[in-house]
N, C-alpha and C. Protein backbone atom coordinates (compact mmCIF):
# COMPACT_ATOMS: atom_id res chain seq x y z
N MET A 1 -6.46 -11.98 10.42
CA MET A 1 -6.04 -12.48 9.14
C MET A 1 -7.12 -13.33 8.49
N ASN A 2 -7.91 -13.98 9.26
CA ASN A 2 -8.95 -14.86 8.73
C ASN A 2 -10.12 -14.09 8.14
N GLU A 3 -10.20 -12.80 8.36
CA GLU A 3 -11.37 -12.04 7.94
C GLU A 3 -11.51 -11.99 6.42
N ASN A 4 -10.39 -12.01 5.67
CA ASN A 4 -10.47 -11.92 4.23
C ASN A 4 -10.47 -13.29 3.57
N ARG A 5 -10.39 -14.31 4.34
CA ARG A 5 -10.39 -15.65 3.76
C ARG A 5 -11.81 -16.06 3.43
N ASN A 6 -11.91 -16.97 2.50
CA ASN A 6 -13.20 -17.46 2.06
C ASN A 6 -13.87 -18.20 3.21
N PRO A 7 -15.01 -17.71 3.73
CA PRO A 7 -15.64 -18.34 4.89
C PRO A 7 -16.21 -19.71 4.58
N HIS A 8 -16.43 -20.02 3.30
CA HIS A 8 -17.00 -21.30 2.92
C HIS A 8 -15.94 -22.34 2.63
N SER A 9 -14.68 -21.93 2.70
CA SER A 9 -13.60 -22.84 2.38
C SER A 9 -13.35 -23.79 3.54
N GLN A 10 -13.37 -25.06 3.25
CA GLN A 10 -13.08 -26.06 4.26
C GLN A 10 -11.74 -26.73 3.98
N SER A 11 -11.00 -26.23 2.98
CA SER A 11 -9.76 -26.87 2.60
C SER A 11 -8.65 -26.55 3.59
N ARG A 12 -7.56 -27.29 3.46
CA ARG A 12 -6.41 -27.07 4.33
C ARG A 12 -5.65 -25.82 3.89
N ASN A 13 -5.84 -25.36 2.66
CA ASN A 13 -5.14 -24.19 2.15
C ASN A 13 -6.11 -23.03 1.98
N PRO A 14 -6.40 -22.30 3.04
CA PRO A 14 -7.31 -21.17 2.91
C PRO A 14 -6.70 -20.11 2.00
N HIS A 15 -7.54 -19.25 1.48
CA HIS A 15 -7.04 -18.21 0.60
C HIS A 15 -7.69 -16.87 0.95
N SER A 16 -7.05 -15.82 0.46
CA SER A 16 -7.61 -14.49 0.61
C SER A 16 -7.64 -13.85 -0.76
N VAL A 17 -8.57 -12.93 -0.94
CA VAL A 17 -8.72 -12.23 -2.21
C VAL A 17 -8.55 -10.75 -1.93
N ARG A 18 -7.71 -10.11 -2.71
CA ARG A 18 -7.48 -8.68 -2.55
C ARG A 18 -7.68 -8.01 -3.91
N ARG A 19 -8.48 -6.95 -3.94
CA ARG A 19 -8.69 -6.18 -5.16
C ARG A 19 -7.65 -5.06 -5.20
N ILE A 20 -6.97 -4.94 -6.34
CA ILE A 20 -5.94 -3.92 -6.52
C ILE A 20 -6.35 -3.06 -7.69
N VAL A 21 -6.33 -1.74 -7.50
CA VAL A 21 -6.62 -0.80 -8.57
C VAL A 21 -5.30 -0.33 -9.15
N LEU A 22 -5.12 -0.55 -10.45
CA LEU A 22 -3.89 -0.19 -11.14
C LEU A 22 -3.91 1.30 -11.49
N PRO A 23 -2.73 1.90 -11.75
CA PRO A 23 -2.70 3.32 -12.12
C PRO A 23 -3.55 3.64 -13.34
N SER A 24 -3.78 2.66 -14.21
CA SER A 24 -4.60 2.89 -15.40
C SER A 24 -6.09 2.99 -15.07
N GLY A 25 -6.46 2.66 -13.83
CA GLY A 25 -7.86 2.68 -13.43
C GLY A 25 -8.50 1.30 -13.46
N ARG A 26 -7.87 0.36 -14.13
CA ARG A 26 -8.39 -1.00 -14.16
C ARG A 26 -8.11 -1.66 -12.82
N SER A 27 -8.94 -2.63 -12.46
CA SER A 27 -8.72 -3.33 -11.20
C SER A 27 -8.58 -4.82 -11.46
N ILE A 28 -7.81 -5.45 -10.59
CA ILE A 28 -7.62 -6.89 -10.68
C ILE A 28 -7.83 -7.48 -9.29
N GLU A 29 -8.17 -8.75 -9.26
CA GLU A 29 -8.28 -9.46 -7.99
C GLU A 29 -7.12 -10.42 -7.89
N VAL A 30 -6.42 -10.38 -6.77
CA VAL A 30 -5.30 -11.26 -6.53
C VAL A 30 -5.73 -12.28 -5.49
N VAL A 31 -5.62 -13.55 -5.83
CA VAL A 31 -5.97 -14.62 -4.90
C VAL A 31 -4.67 -15.16 -4.33
N ARG A 32 -4.58 -15.17 -3.00
CA ARG A 32 -3.37 -15.65 -2.33
C ARG A 32 -3.74 -16.88 -1.51
N PHE A 33 -3.04 -17.96 -1.78
CA PHE A 33 -3.25 -19.19 -1.03
C PHE A 33 -2.22 -19.26 0.08
N VAL A 34 -2.66 -19.65 1.26
CA VAL A 34 -1.79 -19.68 2.44
C VAL A 34 -1.77 -21.09 3.00
N ASP A 35 -0.58 -21.59 3.23
CA ASP A 35 -0.42 -22.87 3.91
C ASP A 35 -0.22 -22.56 5.38
N PRO A 36 -1.19 -22.86 6.25
CA PRO A 36 -1.09 -22.48 7.66
C PRO A 36 0.14 -23.07 8.36
N GLU A 37 0.64 -24.19 7.85
CA GLU A 37 1.80 -24.82 8.49
C GLU A 37 3.09 -24.07 8.20
N THR A 38 3.14 -23.33 7.08
CA THR A 38 4.37 -22.63 6.73
C THR A 38 4.24 -21.12 6.89
N GLU A 39 3.11 -20.65 7.33
CA GLU A 39 2.90 -19.22 7.49
C GLU A 39 3.86 -18.66 8.54
N THR A 40 4.57 -17.59 8.19
CA THR A 40 5.54 -17.00 9.09
C THR A 40 4.88 -15.91 9.93
N GLU A 41 5.64 -15.41 10.89
CA GLU A 41 5.14 -14.35 11.76
C GLU A 41 4.80 -13.12 10.92
N ARG A 42 3.66 -12.54 11.22
CA ARG A 42 3.19 -11.36 10.49
C ARG A 42 4.06 -10.17 10.84
N GLY A 43 4.47 -9.41 9.82
CA GLY A 43 5.24 -8.19 10.04
C GLY A 43 4.36 -7.10 10.63
N LEU A 44 5.00 -6.11 11.24
CA LEU A 44 4.25 -5.01 11.85
C LEU A 44 3.47 -4.20 10.81
N HIS A 45 3.88 -4.25 9.55
CA HIS A 45 3.21 -3.49 8.49
C HIS A 45 1.93 -4.15 8.01
N MET A 46 1.64 -5.37 8.47
CA MET A 46 0.46 -6.10 8.02
C MET A 46 -0.68 -5.99 9.04
N CYS A 47 -1.86 -5.65 8.56
CA CYS A 47 -3.03 -5.54 9.44
C CYS A 47 -3.62 -6.93 9.70
N PRO A 48 -3.82 -7.30 10.96
CA PRO A 48 -4.40 -8.61 11.25
C PRO A 48 -5.90 -8.67 10.99
N VAL A 49 -6.54 -7.53 10.77
CA VAL A 49 -7.99 -7.49 10.55
C VAL A 49 -8.32 -7.55 9.06
N CYS A 50 -7.73 -6.65 8.26
CA CYS A 50 -8.10 -6.58 6.84
C CYS A 50 -6.99 -7.07 5.91
N ASP A 51 -5.86 -7.49 6.46
CA ASP A 51 -4.74 -8.04 5.69
C ASP A 51 -4.06 -6.99 4.80
N SER A 52 -4.29 -5.72 5.07
CA SER A 52 -3.62 -4.65 4.34
C SER A 52 -2.15 -4.59 4.75
N ASN A 53 -1.30 -4.20 3.81
CA ASN A 53 0.12 -4.03 4.13
C ASN A 53 0.47 -2.56 4.35
N LEU A 54 -0.52 -1.76 4.74
CA LEU A 54 -0.33 -0.31 4.89
C LEU A 54 -0.30 0.16 6.34
N VAL A 55 -0.15 -0.76 7.30
CA VAL A 55 -0.10 -0.36 8.71
C VAL A 55 1.10 0.54 8.92
N GLN A 56 0.88 1.62 9.66
CA GLN A 56 1.93 2.61 9.87
C GLN A 56 1.96 3.06 11.32
N PRO A 57 3.14 3.49 11.77
CA PRO A 57 3.22 4.00 13.15
C PRO A 57 2.64 5.41 13.20
N ILE A 58 1.85 5.68 14.24
CA ILE A 58 1.33 7.04 14.41
C ILE A 58 1.92 7.70 15.65
N ASP A 59 2.57 6.91 16.50
CA ASP A 59 3.27 7.45 17.66
C ASP A 59 4.30 6.42 18.10
N TRP A 60 5.41 6.90 18.65
CA TRP A 60 6.46 5.99 19.09
C TRP A 60 7.35 6.67 20.11
N CYS A 61 7.97 5.86 20.94
CA CYS A 61 8.99 6.35 21.87
C CYS A 61 9.89 5.19 22.25
N GLU A 62 11.11 5.51 22.61
CA GLU A 62 12.07 4.47 22.96
C GLU A 62 11.74 3.92 24.34
N ALA A 63 11.79 2.61 24.46
CA ALA A 63 11.54 1.94 25.73
C ALA A 63 12.87 1.40 26.25
N SER A 64 12.83 0.58 27.25
CA SER A 64 14.07 0.04 27.82
C SER A 64 14.63 -1.08 26.95
N ASP A 65 15.89 -1.37 27.15
CA ASP A 65 16.59 -2.47 26.49
C ASP A 65 16.57 -2.38 24.97
N GLY A 66 16.61 -1.18 24.42
CA GLY A 66 16.64 -1.01 22.97
C GLY A 66 15.34 -1.34 22.27
N ARG A 67 14.28 -1.47 23.01
CA ARG A 67 12.97 -1.77 22.42
C ARG A 67 12.23 -0.45 22.17
N TRP A 68 11.17 -0.53 21.40
CA TRP A 68 10.39 0.65 21.04
C TRP A 68 8.92 0.42 21.34
N GLU A 69 8.29 1.44 21.91
CA GLU A 69 6.83 1.43 22.09
C GLU A 69 6.23 2.14 20.88
N LEU A 70 5.34 1.43 20.18
CA LEU A 70 4.72 1.97 18.97
C LEU A 70 3.21 1.93 19.09
N VAL A 71 2.57 2.93 18.51
CA VAL A 71 1.14 2.89 18.26
C VAL A 71 1.01 2.71 16.76
N LEU A 72 0.42 1.60 16.34
CA LEU A 72 0.27 1.28 14.93
C LEU A 72 -1.18 1.43 14.52
N SER A 73 -1.40 1.86 13.27
CA SER A 73 -2.75 2.08 12.78
C SER A 73 -2.86 1.64 11.32
N CYS A 74 -4.01 1.06 10.99
CA CYS A 74 -4.30 0.67 9.61
C CYS A 74 -5.23 1.72 9.00
N PRO A 75 -4.83 2.36 7.91
CA PRO A 75 -5.69 3.38 7.30
C PRO A 75 -6.89 2.79 6.57
N ASN A 76 -6.87 1.49 6.29
CA ASN A 76 -7.99 0.87 5.57
C ASN A 76 -9.18 0.57 6.47
N CYS A 77 -8.92 -0.07 7.61
CA CYS A 77 -10.04 -0.49 8.47
C CYS A 77 -10.03 0.21 9.83
N HIS A 78 -9.07 1.11 10.04
CA HIS A 78 -8.94 1.91 11.27
C HIS A 78 -8.61 1.07 12.50
N TRP A 79 -8.08 -0.13 12.30
CA TRP A 79 -7.58 -0.94 13.41
C TRP A 79 -6.34 -0.24 13.97
N SER A 80 -6.15 -0.32 15.27
CA SER A 80 -4.92 0.22 15.86
C SER A 80 -4.54 -0.63 17.07
N THR A 81 -3.28 -0.54 17.42
CA THR A 81 -2.76 -1.28 18.56
C THR A 81 -1.56 -0.55 19.13
N GLU A 82 -1.28 -0.81 20.39
CA GLU A 82 -0.08 -0.30 21.04
C GLU A 82 0.73 -1.50 21.49
N GLY A 83 2.05 -1.38 21.41
CA GLY A 83 2.88 -2.49 21.85
C GLY A 83 4.33 -2.10 21.94
N THR A 84 5.11 -2.99 22.53
CA THR A 84 6.55 -2.80 22.64
C THR A 84 7.20 -3.83 21.73
N TYR A 85 8.10 -3.37 20.88
CA TYR A 85 8.68 -4.22 19.84
C TYR A 85 10.20 -4.16 19.87
N THR A 86 10.81 -5.23 19.38
CA THR A 86 12.27 -5.29 19.34
C THR A 86 12.80 -4.35 18.26
N GLU A 87 14.08 -4.07 18.38
CA GLU A 87 14.73 -3.21 17.39
C GLU A 87 14.67 -3.85 16.00
N ALA A 88 14.80 -5.17 15.94
CA ALA A 88 14.74 -5.87 14.65
C ALA A 88 13.36 -5.71 14.01
N GLN A 89 12.29 -5.82 14.80
CA GLN A 89 10.94 -5.65 14.28
C GLN A 89 10.73 -4.23 13.76
N VAL A 90 11.26 -3.25 14.50
CA VAL A 90 11.11 -1.85 14.08
C VAL A 90 11.91 -1.58 12.81
N HIS A 91 13.12 -2.15 12.71
CA HIS A 91 13.92 -1.98 11.49
C HIS A 91 13.20 -2.61 10.29
N ASN A 92 12.58 -3.77 10.50
CA ASN A 92 11.82 -4.40 9.43
C ASN A 92 10.65 -3.51 9.00
N LEU A 93 9.96 -2.91 9.97
CA LEU A 93 8.86 -1.99 9.66
C LEU A 93 9.38 -0.79 8.87
N GLU A 94 10.52 -0.23 9.30
CA GLU A 94 11.11 0.90 8.58
C GLU A 94 11.45 0.52 7.14
N ASP A 95 11.99 -0.69 6.95
CA ASP A 95 12.31 -1.16 5.59
C ASP A 95 11.04 -1.24 4.75
N GLN A 96 9.97 -1.76 5.33
CA GLN A 96 8.70 -1.86 4.61
C GLN A 96 8.15 -0.47 4.27
N LEU A 97 8.26 0.46 5.20
CA LEU A 97 7.80 1.83 4.94
C LEU A 97 8.64 2.49 3.85
N ASP A 98 9.95 2.25 3.86
CA ASP A 98 10.83 2.79 2.81
C ASP A 98 10.46 2.22 1.44
N GLU A 99 10.18 0.91 1.39
CA GLU A 99 9.77 0.29 0.13
C GLU A 99 8.44 0.88 -0.35
N GLY A 100 7.52 1.10 0.58
CA GLY A 100 6.24 1.70 0.22
C GLY A 100 6.40 3.11 -0.33
N LEU A 101 7.30 3.89 0.29
CA LEU A 101 7.56 5.24 -0.19
C LEU A 101 8.17 5.20 -1.59
N ALA A 102 9.11 4.28 -1.81
CA ALA A 102 9.72 4.15 -3.14
C ALA A 102 8.67 3.76 -4.17
N ASP A 103 7.75 2.87 -3.82
CA ASP A 103 6.66 2.49 -4.73
C ASP A 103 5.78 3.69 -5.06
N MET A 104 5.44 4.49 -4.06
CA MET A 104 4.60 5.67 -4.29
C MET A 104 5.32 6.67 -5.19
N LEU A 105 6.62 6.87 -4.98
CA LEU A 105 7.36 7.82 -5.80
C LEU A 105 7.45 7.34 -7.25
N ARG A 106 7.62 6.02 -7.45
CA ARG A 106 7.62 5.48 -8.82
C ARG A 106 6.26 5.68 -9.47
N ASP A 107 5.18 5.43 -8.72
CA ASP A 107 3.83 5.64 -9.26
C ASP A 107 3.59 7.11 -9.58
N LEU A 108 4.05 8.00 -8.71
CA LEU A 108 3.91 9.43 -8.95
C LEU A 108 4.63 9.84 -10.23
N LYS A 109 5.83 9.32 -10.43
CA LYS A 109 6.60 9.64 -11.64
C LYS A 109 5.85 9.16 -12.88
N ARG A 110 5.32 7.93 -12.84
CA ARG A 110 4.57 7.40 -13.99
C ARG A 110 3.32 8.23 -14.26
N LEU A 111 2.59 8.60 -13.20
CA LEU A 111 1.38 9.40 -13.38
C LEU A 111 1.70 10.79 -13.92
N THR A 112 2.77 11.38 -13.42
CA THR A 112 3.18 12.70 -13.89
C THR A 112 3.54 12.65 -15.37
N GLN A 113 4.30 11.63 -15.77
CA GLN A 113 4.67 11.49 -17.17
C GLN A 113 3.45 11.26 -18.05
N ALA A 114 2.52 10.44 -17.59
CA ALA A 114 1.30 10.18 -18.36
C ALA A 114 0.46 11.45 -18.48
N ASN A 115 0.34 12.21 -17.41
CA ASN A 115 -0.42 13.46 -17.45
C ASN A 115 0.23 14.48 -18.37
N MET A 116 1.55 14.58 -18.31
CA MET A 116 2.26 15.54 -19.18
C MET A 116 2.13 15.13 -20.65
N ALA A 117 2.24 13.84 -20.94
CA ALA A 117 2.08 13.38 -22.32
C ALA A 117 0.68 13.70 -22.82
N ASP A 118 -0.33 13.51 -21.98
CA ASP A 118 -1.70 13.83 -22.35
C ASP A 118 -1.86 15.33 -22.58
N HIS A 119 -1.26 16.14 -21.71
CA HIS A 119 -1.33 17.60 -21.84
C HIS A 119 -0.68 18.05 -23.14
N VAL A 120 0.48 17.51 -23.46
CA VAL A 120 1.18 17.86 -24.70
C VAL A 120 0.34 17.47 -25.91
N GLU A 121 -0.27 16.29 -25.86
CA GLU A 121 -1.11 15.83 -26.97
C GLU A 121 -2.30 16.77 -27.18
N ARG A 122 -2.97 17.16 -26.10
CA ARG A 122 -4.12 18.08 -26.23
C ARG A 122 -3.68 19.45 -26.73
N PHE A 123 -2.53 19.94 -26.24
CA PHE A 123 -2.03 21.25 -26.67
C PHE A 123 -1.67 21.21 -28.15
N THR A 124 -1.02 20.12 -28.58
CA THR A 124 -0.65 19.99 -29.99
C THR A 124 -1.90 19.92 -30.86
N SER A 125 -2.90 19.18 -30.43
CA SER A 125 -4.15 19.09 -31.19
C SER A 125 -4.82 20.46 -31.28
N ALA A 126 -4.80 21.21 -30.19
CA ALA A 126 -5.41 22.55 -30.20
C ALA A 126 -4.64 23.49 -31.12
N LEU A 127 -3.32 23.38 -31.15
CA LEU A 127 -2.52 24.21 -32.06
C LEU A 127 -2.86 23.89 -33.52
N HIS A 128 -2.92 22.61 -33.86
CA HIS A 128 -3.23 22.21 -35.23
C HIS A 128 -4.64 22.62 -35.64
N ALA A 129 -5.55 22.70 -34.70
CA ALA A 129 -6.93 23.08 -35.00
C ALA A 129 -7.13 24.60 -34.91
N ASP A 130 -6.04 25.35 -34.73
CA ASP A 130 -6.09 26.82 -34.60
C ASP A 130 -7.02 27.27 -33.48
N LEU A 131 -7.02 26.54 -32.38
CA LEU A 131 -7.85 26.89 -31.24
C LEU A 131 -7.09 27.72 -30.21
N ILE A 132 -5.80 27.92 -30.42
CA ILE A 132 -4.99 28.72 -29.50
C ILE A 132 -4.60 30.00 -30.23
N LEU A 133 -4.96 31.12 -29.64
CA LEU A 133 -4.73 32.43 -30.24
C LEU A 133 -3.68 33.19 -29.44
N PRO A 134 -3.08 34.23 -30.02
CA PRO A 134 -2.08 35.02 -29.29
C PRO A 134 -2.62 35.61 -27.99
N GLU A 135 -3.89 35.97 -27.97
CA GLU A 135 -4.44 36.56 -26.75
C GLU A 135 -4.65 35.53 -25.63
N ASP A 136 -4.43 34.25 -25.91
CA ASP A 136 -4.49 33.22 -24.87
C ASP A 136 -3.28 33.28 -23.95
N PHE A 137 -2.26 34.06 -24.37
CA PHE A 137 -1.04 34.14 -23.55
C PHE A 137 -0.89 35.47 -22.91
């Protein structure tokens, strides 16, 4: 977790900076300040190396006492780990994965609508400019 923090920071409130690319292609930097005294346990979906929230299970099997053995991997920095986790931890990971899937589907819908609107605009412009002929069909 400390890898993305400012190495020159000597303050009690270290921070991390994450660059996010928006669907429009623009990028923003998000600065997150962390109070080490109130920091909670890291979820299984969070990478301890690059602080990505995209950690995903690549293999799993049921262990004893309702626990699960998982192999987790980060697609950003290729960190991976194996471990045995409680059912509550696995349910939390599943919830995070479901939220991530819902986010991706919303983004896909927005991109599809934007692409279709652009396609309709170009087609309409081509029609008005008499650039589409009957033999094009």
